[in-house]
Amino acid sequence: MNARKNILTIAILTRNRPEYLAQSIDAALRQSFSDFTLQIYDDASDAGTAEAIKPFLKDPRVEYIRHSVCIGQSANYNACIKNCVTDFLLITHDDDRMKPDLASYALGVMQSRCSVNLVCTDYDVINASGIVIHQNKISKTYAFTHDHVYGRYEFILNFSKGINFICCPTVMLRVSAVRN
């Protein structure tokens, strides 16, 4: 693991999708906020994934964690949280391409509101060529006209009513909140 002490870890979950992975890594490394560690969690992919990652390992921010056997997406997600040594963790996937200001924006929300433990955003779905094929606008789906901060237990109440947008592919977590 990286010896540098950052406040943010970006974790990319992957399994056998090297055609998307390089774009996802590149987008993470091009964030306007650049003081982070990028960890790639490989759930026992074939050799094509390791080859896709190899050029990026020259960047000192990049770490490659490969499970020797497939542990499944949920366990891979939990490994990100367990291994995180920073205050904030942004989890994304091999087929997700972050916009350049995503980390800066989400981190700003988290740092300006100590009661916020999770941030998720709108996102674009792309194909293997990087072309946007669908835009998912959480703000339109849930009629938000501005940032929405849930009060204590408000999210749980809405979740019980079927309103859940944590399934958004990219989320930033306050690590202390998910460990306690």
Protein backbone atom coordinates (compact mmCIF):
# COMPACT_ATOMS: atom_id res chain seq x y z
CA MET A 1 0.00 0.00 0.00
CA ASN A 2 1.05 3.60 -0.63
CA ALA A 3 3.05 5.24 2.18
CA ARG A 4 1.82 8.76 1.30
CA LYS A 5 -0.94 10.15 3.51
CA ASN A 6 -3.71 11.56 1.36
CA ILE A 7 -7.24 12.34 2.42
CA LEU A 8 -8.78 10.54 -0.56
CA THR A 9 -8.57 7.08 -2.06
CA ILE A 10 -10.20 6.39 -5.41
CA ALA A 11 -10.94 2.67 -5.81
CA ILE A 12 -11.83 1.11 -9.15
CA LEU A 13 -13.49 -2.32 -9.02
CA THR A 14 -12.77 -4.55 -12.03
CA ARG A 15 -13.28 -8.03 -13.40
CA ASN A 16 -12.47 -9.01 -16.99
CA ARG A 17 -13.36 -5.73 -18.71
CA PRO A 18 -10.01 -4.35 -19.92
CA GLU A 19 -11.72 -2.61 -22.86
CA TYR A 20 -13.33 -0.20 -20.37
CA LEU A 21 -10.73 -0.22 -17.61
CA ALA A 22 -8.06 1.93 -19.30
CA GLN A 23 -10.63 4.72 -19.85
CA SER A 24 -11.75 4.51 -16.23
CA ILE A 25 -8.18 4.69 -14.91
CA ASP A 26 -7.31 7.55 -17.25
CA ALA A 27 -10.37 9.54 -16.14
CA ALA A 28 -9.49 8.97 -12.47
CA LEU A 29 -5.92 10.14 -12.99
CA ARG A 30 -7.15 13.30 -14.78
CA GLN A 31 -9.16 14.54 -11.80
CA SER A 32 -8.74 18.25 -11.04
CA PHE A 33 -8.10 17.22 -7.42
CA SER A 34 -4.93 15.19 -7.79
CA ASP A 35 -3.76 14.39 -4.26
CA PHE A 36 -5.18 10.89 -3.95
CA THR A 37 -4.22 7.25 -4.12
CA LEU A 38 -5.82 5.22 -6.92
CA GLN A 39 -6.36 1.57 -6.01
CA ILE A 40 -7.48 -0.91 -8.64
CA TYR A 41 -9.25 -3.91 -7.10
CA ASP A 42 -9.10 -6.79 -9.56
CA ASP A 43 -11.47 -9.65 -8.75
CA ALA A 44 -9.29 -12.45 -10.24
CA SER A 45 -9.46 -11.25 -13.84
CA ASP A 46 -7.63 -12.89 -16.71
CA ALA A 47 -4.30 -11.58 -18.04
CA GLY A 48 -5.93 -8.92 -20.24
CA THR A 49 -6.78 -6.84 -17.19
CA ALA A 50 -3.20 -6.85 -15.86
CA GLU A 51 -1.98 -5.79 -19.31
CA ALA A 52 -4.47 -2.90 -19.40
CA ILE A 53 -3.25 -1.69 -16.00
CA LYS A 54 0.48 -2.01 -16.62
CA PRO A 55 1.08 1.40 -18.29
CA PHE A 56 -0.62 3.20 -15.38
CA LEU A 57 1.58 1.63 -12.70
CA LYS A 58 4.29 4.19 -13.54
CA ASP A 59 2.18 6.80 -11.74
CA PRO A 60 3.13 6.70 -8.01
CA ARG A 61 -0.53 7.22 -7.05
CA VAL A 62 -1.59 3.89 -8.61
CA GLU A 63 -1.76 0.61 -6.69
CA TYR A 64 -2.93 -2.72 -8.09
CA ILE A 65 -4.64 -5.19 -5.74
CA ARG A 66 -5.48 -8.50 -7.43
CA HIS A 67 -7.46 -11.22 -5.67
CA SER A 68 -6.18 -14.68 -6.58
CA VAL A 69 -9.71 -16.12 -6.62
CA CYS A 70 -13.00 -14.47 -7.53
CA ILE A 71 -14.59 -13.10 -4.36
CA GLY A 72 -17.56 -11.35 -6.00
CA GLN A 73 -18.47 -7.70 -6.39
CA SER A 74 -19.79 -7.17 -2.84
CA ALA A 75 -16.69 -8.66 -1.21
CA ASN A 76 -14.47 -6.65 -3.57
CA TYR A 77 -16.40 -3.50 -2.56
CA ASN A 78 -15.93 -4.36 1.11
CA ALA A 79 -12.20 -4.94 0.55
CA CYS A 80 -11.94 -1.32 -0.65
CA ILE A 81 -13.47 -0.09 2.59
CA LYS A 82 -11.42 -2.45 4.77
CA ASN A 83 -8.11 -1.47 3.16
CA CYS A 84 -8.77 2.26 2.98
CA VAL A 85 -6.39 4.36 5.10
CA THR A 86 -7.73 7.78 4.07
CA ASP A 87 -10.63 9.82 5.41
CA PHE A 88 -12.64 9.59 2.19
CA LEU A 89 -13.15 6.80 -0.33
CA LEU A 90 -14.54 7.23 -3.82
CA ILE A 91 -15.60 3.85 -5.23
CA THR A 92 -16.18 3.45 -8.95
CA HIS A 93 -16.11 0.63 -11.50
CA ASP A 94 -14.14 -0.38 -14.55
CA ASP A 95 -16.91 0.71 -16.91
CA ASP A 96 -17.40 4.11 -15.27
CA ARG A 97 -15.61 7.20 -16.52
CA MET A 98 -15.52 10.06 -14.03
CA LYS A 99 -15.85 13.66 -15.14
CA PRO A 100 -12.73 15.73 -14.32
CA ASP A 101 -14.21 17.59 -11.33
CA LEU A 102 -16.08 14.69 -9.70
CA ALA A 103 -13.58 14.05 -6.88
CA SER A 104 -13.16 17.77 -6.17
CA TYR A 105 -16.91 18.36 -6.11
CA ALA A 106 -17.76 15.37 -3.90
CA LEU A 107 -14.87 16.07 -1.55
CA GLY A 108 -15.98 19.70 -1.26
CA VAL A 109 -19.47 18.61 -0.26
CA MET A 110 -18.11 16.17 2.32
CA GLN A 111 -15.59 18.61 3.82
CA SER A 112 -18.04 21.51 4.04
CA ARG A 113 -20.72 19.40 5.75
CA CYS A 114 -19.34 17.13 8.44
CA SER A 115 -22.75 15.44 8.76
CA VAL A 116 -22.57 14.16 5.16
CA ASN A 117 -21.32 10.57 4.97
CA LEU A 118 -22.08 9.67 1.35
CA VAL A 119 -22.21 11.58 -1.94
CA CYS A 120 -23.51 10.22 -5.24
CA THR A 121 -23.99 12.09 -8.49
CA ASP A 122 -25.53 12.04 -11.94
CA TYR A 123 -23.63 9.85 -14.39
CA ASP A 124 -23.27 8.94 -18.05
CA VAL A 125 -23.33 5.36 -19.35
CA ILE A 126 -20.76 4.76 -22.09
CA ASN A 127 -20.03 1.93 -24.52
CA ALA A 128 -16.60 0.34 -25.09
CA SER A 129 -15.71 3.14 -27.53
CA GLY A 130 -16.32 5.78 -24.87
CA ILE A 131 -19.49 7.11 -26.48
CA VAL A 132 -22.24 8.22 -24.09
CA ILE A 133 -25.26 6.00 -24.70
CA HIS A 134 -27.41 7.14 -21.74
CA GLN A 135 -27.41 9.93 -19.19
CA ASN A 136 -28.72 9.04 -15.74
CA LYS A 137 -29.83 12.18 -13.96
CA ILE A 138 -30.51 11.44 -10.32
CA SER A 139 -31.44 15.10 -9.90
CA LYS A 140 -34.30 14.72 -12.43
CA THR A 141 -35.37 11.26 -11.27
CA TYR A 142 -35.80 12.48 -7.69
CA ALA A 143 -36.78 16.10 -8.54
CA PHE A 144 -33.74 17.67 -6.85
CA THR A 145 -33.15 21.24 -7.98
CA HIS A 146 -30.00 21.58 -5.85
CA ASP A 147 -27.72 19.45 -3.69
CA HIS A 148 -29.80 17.44 -1.27
CA VAL A 149 -28.51 16.59 2.18
CA TYR A 150 -30.57 14.07 4.12
CA GLY A 151 -31.16 14.63 7.80
CA ARG A 152 -30.44 11.91 10.31
CA TYR A 153 -32.53 8.80 9.48
CA GLU A 154 -34.20 10.57 6.53
CA PHE A 155 -32.36 8.39 4.03
CA ILE A 156 -33.45 5.22 5.84
CA LEU A 157 -37.05 6.41 5.75
CA ASN A 158 -36.87 7.14 2.01
CA PHE A 159 -35.05 3.87 1.34
CA SER A 160 -37.92 2.01 3.02
CA LYS A 161 -40.28 3.76 0.55
CA GLY A 162 -38.25 2.50 -2.40
CA ILE A 163 -36.26 5.69 -3.02
CA ASN A 164 -32.66 4.50 -3.31
CA PHE A 165 -29.97 6.11 -5.39
CA ILE A 166 -26.93 4.68 -3.62
CA CYS A 167 -26.92 2.10 -6.38
CA CYS A 168 -25.38 4.90 -8.40
CA PRO A 169 -22.17 3.40 -9.78
CA THR A 170 -19.81 5.94 -8.22
CA VAL A 171 -20.08 7.02 -4.59
CA MET A 172 -17.85 8.84 -2.14
CA LEU A 173 -17.95 7.68 1.47
CA ARG A 174 -16.72 9.16 4.72
CA VAL A 175 -14.76 6.09 5.82
CA SER A 176 -15.27 6.65 9.56
CA ALA A 177 -19.05 6.51 9.04
CA VAL A 178 -19.07 3.12 7.36
CA ARG A 179 -16.64 1.58 9.83
CA ASN A 180 -18.49 2.64 12.99
